Amino acid sequence: MHPHAQHETTPHYEGRRLPRPEEEVVDQGLGFDLGTLVSRRRVLGFFGMGAATVGLAACGATGASTGSSASTSASATATASPSPSPTALATQEIPDETAGPYPGDGSNGPDVLEQSGIVRSDLRSSFGDATGTAEGVPMTLELTIADLAGGGVPFAGVAVYVWHCDREGRYSLYSEGVTEENYLRGVQIADEDGKVRFTSIFPACYTGRWPHIHFEVYPDQASITDSTTAIATSQVALPKNACDAVYATSGYESSVSNLAQLTLATDNVFGDDGGASQLGATTGNVTDGYAVTLTAGVDTTTTPTGGQLTGDGAPAGAPPGGAGGTPPAPPAG
């Protein structure tokens, strides 16, 4: 037979001679498969089709391969796991505590929560008509609020009001010398992760109380003008190693002797468990500042017992509920 005629009868695929004429197209060997893939990629490139499409086309060279791909895809879809449920952030409710005599929420004289500008993240300066700024070692506070009634998931949308004393142990709105200031007070709305974040300064340690930060949780921003709607009132304890470092810096001199007289176990608020459930995790240093974090579980199915001005850890001699006036300096609660 003429060589040319023999060549014409040799099986071809897409214009290329099959190296194994007796076998099917899919069994022609790696070299032939790669050549076919490259050829198809060039063609598909004209249509703007990606490499993933090329791979599918190569797998679909025969009906058997296409069926296998479809079967694999269907199997993967059938066995795909459903989206996991949100992980519980907390299972324990944050202890209810006193708001102390200087909450500034309208329950004892001044009400900063009715003032425009209270929803803010940076608490260091006063706002509105007040102009003062609290000096001290920088501190950020991040609270994560968990909805225990919902399974411990992030409590998005709640409003969290935070307040604490300044470097001298004074509370704005109440203490002598800062009654016209409203610094170190502010509200943030929890994001989808249940988090609120504040920029502030590290608070002092004053007579009779372990260094701490107060906070109240409200159902939403619209509720903050009525302190009776708070669904939780508690405090964050600050760790001793951070306190010791901060109080060795200028401006915190009185805190050194005050802290020396206290322990978390003997504090009249944190003493129940030594602050175990309220002790903030703290990182940083006095130069760059400290970051304090705490997760607080809030259970809306229980009746809040915190927030009162006296009792439950409020200092002796604190002014009665609803009483105005100027507290002693340094403050006692």
Protein backbone atom coordinates (compact mmCIF):
# COMPACT_ATOMS: atom_id res chain seq x y z
CA MET A 1 0.00 0.00 0.00
CA HIS A 2 1.17 3.46 -0.77
CA PRO A 3 2.65 5.13 2.35
CA HIS A 4 0.37 8.09 1.89
CA ALA A 5 -2.70 5.86 1.81
CA GLN A 6 -1.57 4.10 5.00
CA HIS A 7 -1.27 7.45 6.73
CA GLU A 8 -4.79 8.41 5.66
CA THR A 9 -6.26 5.29 7.30
CA THR A 10 -4.47 5.80 10.63
CA PRO A 11 -7.02 7.02 13.33
CA HIS A 12 -6.79 10.71 14.16
CA TYR A 13 -8.30 12.93 16.86
CA GLU A 14 -8.66 16.70 16.33
CA GLY A 15 -6.21 16.44 13.41
CA ARG A 16 -3.58 14.57 15.45
CA ARG A 17 -2.60 10.90 14.89
CA LEU A 18 -3.42 8.59 17.80
CA PRO A 19 -0.22 6.98 19.13
CA ARG A 20 -2.28 3.98 20.29
CA PRO A 21 -4.80 3.37 17.50
CA GLU A 22 -6.20 0.27 19.18
CA GLU A 23 -7.06 2.21 22.38
CA GLU A 24 -9.74 4.84 23.08
CA VAL A 25 -8.95 8.56 23.01
CA VAL A 26 -8.71 8.80 26.79
CA ASP A 27 -6.03 6.08 26.86
CA GLN A 28 -3.50 7.67 24.48
CA GLY A 29 -0.96 8.58 27.14
CA LEU A 30 0.10 11.69 29.06
CA GLY A 31 1.91 13.31 26.15
CA PHE A 32 -1.16 13.13 23.92
CA ASP A 33 -3.43 14.43 26.72
CA LEU A 34 -1.19 17.42 27.38
CA GLY A 35 -1.10 18.26 23.71
CA THR A 36 -4.88 18.14 23.58
CA LEU A 37 -5.17 20.37 26.68
CA VAL A 38 -2.81 22.98 25.28
CA SER A 39 -4.65 22.97 21.97
CA ARG A 40 -7.99 23.52 23.66
CA ARG A 41 -6.65 26.26 25.92
CA ARG A 42 -5.58 28.22 22.85
CA VAL A 43 -9.03 27.88 21.32
CA LEU A 44 -10.88 28.74 24.50
CA GLY A 45 -8.65 31.73 25.07
CA PHE A 46 -10.37 33.40 22.13
CA PHE A 47 -13.62 33.22 24.06
CA GLY A 48 -12.16 34.53 27.32
CA MET A 49 -12.67 31.22 29.11
CA GLY A 50 -10.50 30.51 32.16
CA ALA A 51 -8.25 27.65 33.08
CA ALA A 52 -10.95 26.07 35.23
CA THR A 53 -13.19 25.78 32.14
CA VAL A 54 -10.32 24.20 30.20
CA GLY A 55 -9.91 21.60 32.88
CA LEU A 56 -13.60 20.71 32.67
CA ALA A 57 -13.41 20.51 28.87
CA ALA A 58 -10.43 18.16 29.06
CA CYS A 59 -12.30 15.91 31.48
CA GLY A 60 -15.25 15.84 29.10
CA ALA A 61 -13.34 14.24 26.20
CA THR A 62 -15.66 11.21 26.34
CA GLY A 63 -19.09 10.53 27.62
CA ALA A 64 -17.64 8.32 30.35
CA SER A 65 -15.41 11.10 31.66
CA THR A 66 -18.24 13.64 31.65
CA GLY A 67 -20.43 11.25 33.58
CA SER A 68 -17.69 10.71 36.14
CA SER A 69 -17.25 14.47 36.63
CA ALA A 70 -20.96 15.01 37.04
CA SER A 71 -21.14 12.16 39.53
CA THR A 72 -18.21 13.53 41.53
CA SER A 73 -19.73 17.02 41.55
CA ALA A 74 -23.10 15.70 42.68
CA SER A 75 -21.43 13.64 45.39
CA ALA A 76 -19.49 16.67 46.66
CA THR A 77 -22.68 18.71 46.76
CA ALA A 78 -24.57 15.99 48.58
CA THR A 79 -21.88 15.58 51.25
CA ALA A 80 -21.16 19.31 51.77
CA SER A 81 -21.53 20.23 55.44
CA PRO A 82 -24.07 22.92 56.38
CA SER A 83 -22.76 26.27 57.61
CA PRO A 84 -21.71 25.87 61.25
CA SER A 85 -23.71 27.59 63.95
CA PRO A 86 -22.08 30.67 65.53
CA THR A 87 -19.66 29.68 68.27
CA ALA A 88 -20.75 30.61 71.77
CA LEU A 89 -18.60 33.43 73.14
CA ALA A 90 -19.55 32.88 76.76
CA THR A 91 -21.61 30.56 78.93
CA GLN A 92 -21.39 32.48 82.21
CA GLU A 93 -23.21 35.71 83.05
CA ILE A 94 -21.04 38.65 84.06
CA PRO A 95 -21.65 39.44 87.76
CA ASP A 96 -24.06 42.31 88.40
CA GLU A 97 -22.31 45.08 90.29
CA THR A 98 -22.99 48.50 91.70
CA ALA A 99 -22.82 51.46 89.36
CA GLY A 100 -21.22 53.32 92.26
CA PRO A 101 -22.24 56.81 93.29
CA TYR A 102 -20.88 58.50 90.14
CA PRO A 103 -22.56 56.84 87.14
CA GLY A 104 -23.54 59.98 85.25
CA ASP A 105 -26.52 58.10 83.81
CA GLY A 106 -29.22 60.19 85.50
CA SER A 107 -29.74 57.80 88.39
CA ASN A 108 -27.71 60.00 90.73
CA GLY A 109 -27.68 63.59 89.55
CA PRO A 110 -25.93 64.35 86.22
CA ASP A 111 -27.04 62.56 83.05
CA VAL A 112 -24.37 62.53 80.35
CA LEU A 113 -26.34 59.97 78.33
CA GLU A 114 -28.81 62.64 77.24
CA GLN A 115 -26.06 64.80 75.76
CA SER A 116 -25.34 64.92 72.06
CA GLY A 117 -21.91 63.44 71.38
CA ILE A 118 -21.96 60.71 74.04
CA VAL A 119 -21.78 58.00 71.36
CA ARG A 120 -18.03 58.03 70.70
CA SER A 121 -15.00 55.79 70.89
CA ASP A 122 -12.33 58.23 72.17
CA LEU A 123 -13.12 59.12 75.78
CA ARG A 124 -10.05 61.16 76.64
CA SER A 125 -11.49 64.61 76.01
CA SER A 126 -14.70 66.20 77.18
CA PHE A 127 -17.34 67.08 74.59
CA GLY A 128 -20.09 69.64 74.13
CA ASP A 129 -19.35 72.82 76.08
CA ALA A 130 -16.63 71.13 78.15
CA THR A 131 -13.03 71.31 76.94
CA GLY A 132 -10.86 69.35 79.36
CA THR A 133 -8.71 66.36 78.45
CA ALA A 134 -7.69 63.53 80.78
CA GLU A 135 -3.96 62.85 80.80
CA GLY A 136 -2.40 59.48 81.51
CA VAL A 137 -0.94 56.27 80.10
CA PRO A 138 -2.90 55.34 76.94
CA MET A 139 -5.35 52.47 77.20
CA THR A 140 -7.78 50.82 74.81
CA LEU A 141 -10.71 48.78 76.05
CA GLU A 142 -12.49 46.13 74.00
CA LEU A 143 -15.58 44.47 75.44
CA THR A 144 -17.24 41.54 73.72
CA ILE A 145 -20.88 41.18 74.73
CA ALA A 146 -22.43 37.72 74.49
CA ASP A 147 -26.17 37.03 74.36
CA LEU A 148 -26.62 34.10 76.76
CA ALA A 149 -30.36 33.90 76.10
CA GLY A 150 -29.47 33.34 72.44
CA GLY A 151 -26.90 30.65 73.16
CA GLY A 152 -23.88 32.82 73.99
CA VAL A 153 -23.60 34.31 70.49
CA PRO A 154 -22.47 37.90 69.79
CA PHE A 155 -24.97 40.44 71.12
CA ALA A 156 -24.93 42.76 68.12
CA GLY A 157 -26.67 46.14 68.41
CA VAL A 158 -26.57 46.56 72.18
CA ALA A 159 -25.33 49.91 73.51
CA VAL A 160 -22.47 49.83 76.03
CA TYR A 161 -21.80 52.82 78.30
CA VAL A 162 -18.32 52.95 79.84
CA TRP A 163 -16.95 55.29 82.52
CA HIS A 164 -14.01 55.42 84.93
CA CYS A 165 -11.90 57.79 87.01
CA ASP A 166 -8.95 59.84 85.77
CA ARG A 167 -5.26 59.71 86.67
CA GLU A 168 -5.92 61.60 89.91
CA GLY A 169 -8.79 59.31 90.94
CA ARG A 170 -11.53 61.81 90.06
CA TYR A 171 -14.81 61.19 88.26
CA SER A 172 -15.93 63.83 85.79
CA LEU A 173 -19.29 65.49 86.55
CA TYR A 174 -18.88 64.76 90.30
CA SER A 175 -15.39 65.25 91.75
CA GLU A 176 -14.06 68.58 92.87
CA GLY A 177 -12.21 70.32 90.05
CA VAL A 178 -13.87 68.30 87.24
CA THR A 179 -17.58 68.84 87.83
CA GLU A 180 -17.76 70.77 84.54
CA GLU A 181 -15.98 68.02 82.59
CA ASN A 182 -17.50 64.88 81.05
CA TYR A 183 -14.37 63.08 79.91
CA LEU A 184 -13.78 59.33 80.36
CA ARG A 185 -17.42 58.59 79.58
CA GLY A 186 -18.87 57.29 76.31
CA VAL A 187 -21.14 54.87 74.50
CA GLN A 188 -20.48 52.47 71.64
CA ILE A 189 -22.85 50.16 69.75
CA ALA A 190 -21.80 46.51 69.53
CA ASP A 191 -20.87 45.35 66.02
CA GLU A 192 -21.85 42.02 64.45
CA ASP A 193 -19.21 40.31 66.59
CA GLY A 194 -20.66 41.81 69.78
CA LYS A 195 -17.62 44.06 70.21
CA VAL A 196 -17.28 47.65 71.38
CA ARG A 197 -13.95 49.49 71.46
CA PHE A 198 -12.86 52.58 73.39
CA THR A 199 -9.70 54.68 73.52
CA SER A 200 -8.97 56.10 76.97
CA ILE A 201 -6.32 56.41 79.68
CA PHE A 202 -5.39 53.95 82.40
CA PRO A 203 -7.46 54.81 85.51
CA ALA A 204 -6.01 55.50 88.96
CA CYS A 205 -6.34 53.44 92.11
CA TYR A 206 -8.12 55.45 94.78
CA THR A 207 -8.72 54.69 98.46
CA GLY A 208 -10.76 51.59 99.13
CA ARG A 209 -11.23 50.23 95.59
CA TRP A 210 -9.23 48.02 93.26
CA PRO A 211 -8.53 49.72 89.89
CA HIS A 212 -11.59 49.22 87.70
CA ILE A 213 -13.78 50.37 84.82
CA HIS A 214 -17.57 50.62 85.03
CA PHE A 215 -19.95 49.64 82.23
CA GLU A 216 -23.67 49.34 81.59
CA VAL A 217 -25.30 47.41 78.74
CA TYR A 218 -28.52 48.70 77.15
CA PRO A 219 -30.78 46.92 74.63
CA ASP A 220 -30.04 49.54 71.96
CA GLN A 221 -28.94 53.14 71.48
CA ALA A 222 -32.47 54.50 71.91
CA SER A 223 -32.59 53.06 75.44
CA ILE A 224 -29.55 54.82 76.92
CA THR A 225 -31.45 57.90 78.11
CA ASP A 226 -33.28 55.79 80.73
CA SER A 227 -30.93 54.07 83.16
CA THR A 228 -33.69 51.71 84.33
CA THR A 229 -33.60 49.95 80.94
CA ALA A 230 -30.03 48.67 81.43
CA ILE A 231 -29.88 44.89 81.03
CA ALA A 232 -26.52 44.55 82.80
CA THR A 233 -24.25 46.64 85.04
CA SER A 234 -20.76 45.45 85.90
CA GLN A 235 -17.08 46.36 86.23
CA VAL A 236 -13.76 45.38 84.66
CA ALA A 237 -10.88 44.67 87.03
CA LEU A 238 -7.37 45.61 85.93
CA PRO A 239 -4.45 43.20 86.53
CA LYS A 240 -1.85 44.05 89.15
CA ASN A 241 1.22 43.78 86.90
CA ALA A 242 -0.13 46.45 84.55
CA CYS A 243 -1.22 48.62 87.48
CA ASP A 244 2.24 48.43 89.07
CA ALA A 245 3.91 49.49 85.82
CA VAL A 246 1.52 52.37 85.17
CA TYR A 247 1.52 53.68 88.73
CA ALA A 248 5.31 53.97 88.66
CA THR A 249 4.94 56.74 86.06
CA SER A 250 4.49 60.45 86.67
CA GLY A 251 1.01 61.58 87.66
CA TYR A 252 -0.07 58.34 89.30
CA GLU A 253 1.90 58.77 92.53
CA SER A 254 -1.07 58.49 94.92
CA SER A 255 -2.14 55.21 93.30
CA VAL A 256 0.98 53.41 94.53
CA SER A 257 0.10 53.61 98.24
CA ASN A 258 -3.61 53.06 97.59
CA LEU A 259 -2.97 49.84 95.63
CA ALA A 260 -0.60 48.58 98.32
CA GLN A 261 -3.53 48.42 100.75
CA LEU A 262 -5.73 46.29 98.46
CA THR A 263 -6.02 42.89 96.83
CA LEU A 264 -8.58 41.54 94.40
CA ALA A 265 -9.64 39.06 97.07
CA THR A 266 -10.39 41.77 99.63
CA ASP A 267 -11.95 44.29 97.24
CA ASN A 268 -15.63 44.80 98.11
CA VAL A 269 -16.71 44.28 94.47
CA PHE A 270 -14.32 41.70 93.04
CA GLY A 271 -13.78 39.82 96.30
CA ASP A 272 -16.49 37.23 95.63
CA ASP A 273 -14.24 35.35 93.22
CA GLY A 274 -11.07 37.40 93.28
CA GLY A 275 -12.10 39.04 90.01
CA ALA A 276 -11.82 35.78 88.09
CA SER A 277 -14.77 36.52 85.82
CA GLN A 278 -14.14 40.26 85.48
CA LEU A 279 -10.35 40.50 85.20
CA GLY A 280 -9.44 42.05 81.87
CA ALA A 281 -6.75 40.43 79.72
CA THR A 282 -4.09 43.09 79.30
CA THR A 283 -1.15 43.52 76.95
CA GLY A 284 1.20 46.43 76.28
CA ASN A 285 3.54 48.74 78.15
CA VAL A 286 3.63 52.26 79.56
CA THR A 287 5.25 53.70 76.42
CA ASP A 288 2.89 52.32 73.80
CA GLY A 289 -0.12 51.97 76.07
CA TYR A 290 -2.18 49.01 77.22
CA ALA A 291 -4.95 47.02 75.54
CA VAL A 292 -7.60 45.59 77.87
CA THR A 293 -10.12 42.99 76.67
CA LEU A 294 -12.99 41.17 78.37
CA THR A 295 -15.95 39.04 77.28
CA ALA A 296 -19.16 39.72 79.20
CA GLY A 297 -22.09 37.34 79.08
CA VAL A 298 -25.48 39.04 79.41
CA ASP A 299 -28.64 37.05 80.15
CA THR A 300 -31.85 38.93 79.36
CA THR A 301 -33.96 36.18 80.92
CA THR A 302 -32.74 37.08 84.41
CA THR A 303 -33.60 40.20 86.40
CA PRO A 304 -30.68 42.64 86.65
CA THR A 305 -29.58 43.14 90.24
CA GLY A 306 -26.73 45.57 89.70
CA GLY A 307 -26.75 49.28 89.09
CA GLN A 308 -27.73 50.42 92.55
CA LEU A 309 -25.74 53.21 94.07
CA THR A 310 -25.14 51.59 97.45
CA GLY A 311 -24.75 48.00 98.59
CA ASP A 312 -23.34 45.12 96.51
CA GLY A 313 -19.87 46.50 96.75
CA ALA A 314 -20.65 50.22 96.78
CA PRO A 315 -18.33 52.01 99.22
CA ALA A 316 -19.57 52.95 102.66
CA GLY A 317 -20.81 56.52 102.82
CA ALA A 318 -21.79 56.69 99.15
CA PRO A 319 -24.59 59.19 98.55
CA PRO A 320 -28.09 57.69 98.45
CA GLY A 321 -29.91 57.09 95.18
CA GLY A 322 -31.13 60.27 93.56
CA ALA A 323 -29.02 62.52 95.76
CA GLY A 324 -27.01 65.20 94.11
CA GLY A 325 -24.12 67.11 95.53
CA THR A 326 -20.37 66.86 95.18
CA PRO A 327 -18.61 63.68 96.34
CA PRO A 328 -15.46 63.79 98.41
CA ALA A 329 -12.15 63.91 96.58
CA PRO A 330 -10.65 61.45 95.96
CA PRO A 331 -13.93 59.60 95.37
CA ALA A 332 -14.86 56.57 97.39
CA GLY A 333 -16.65 54.43 94.86
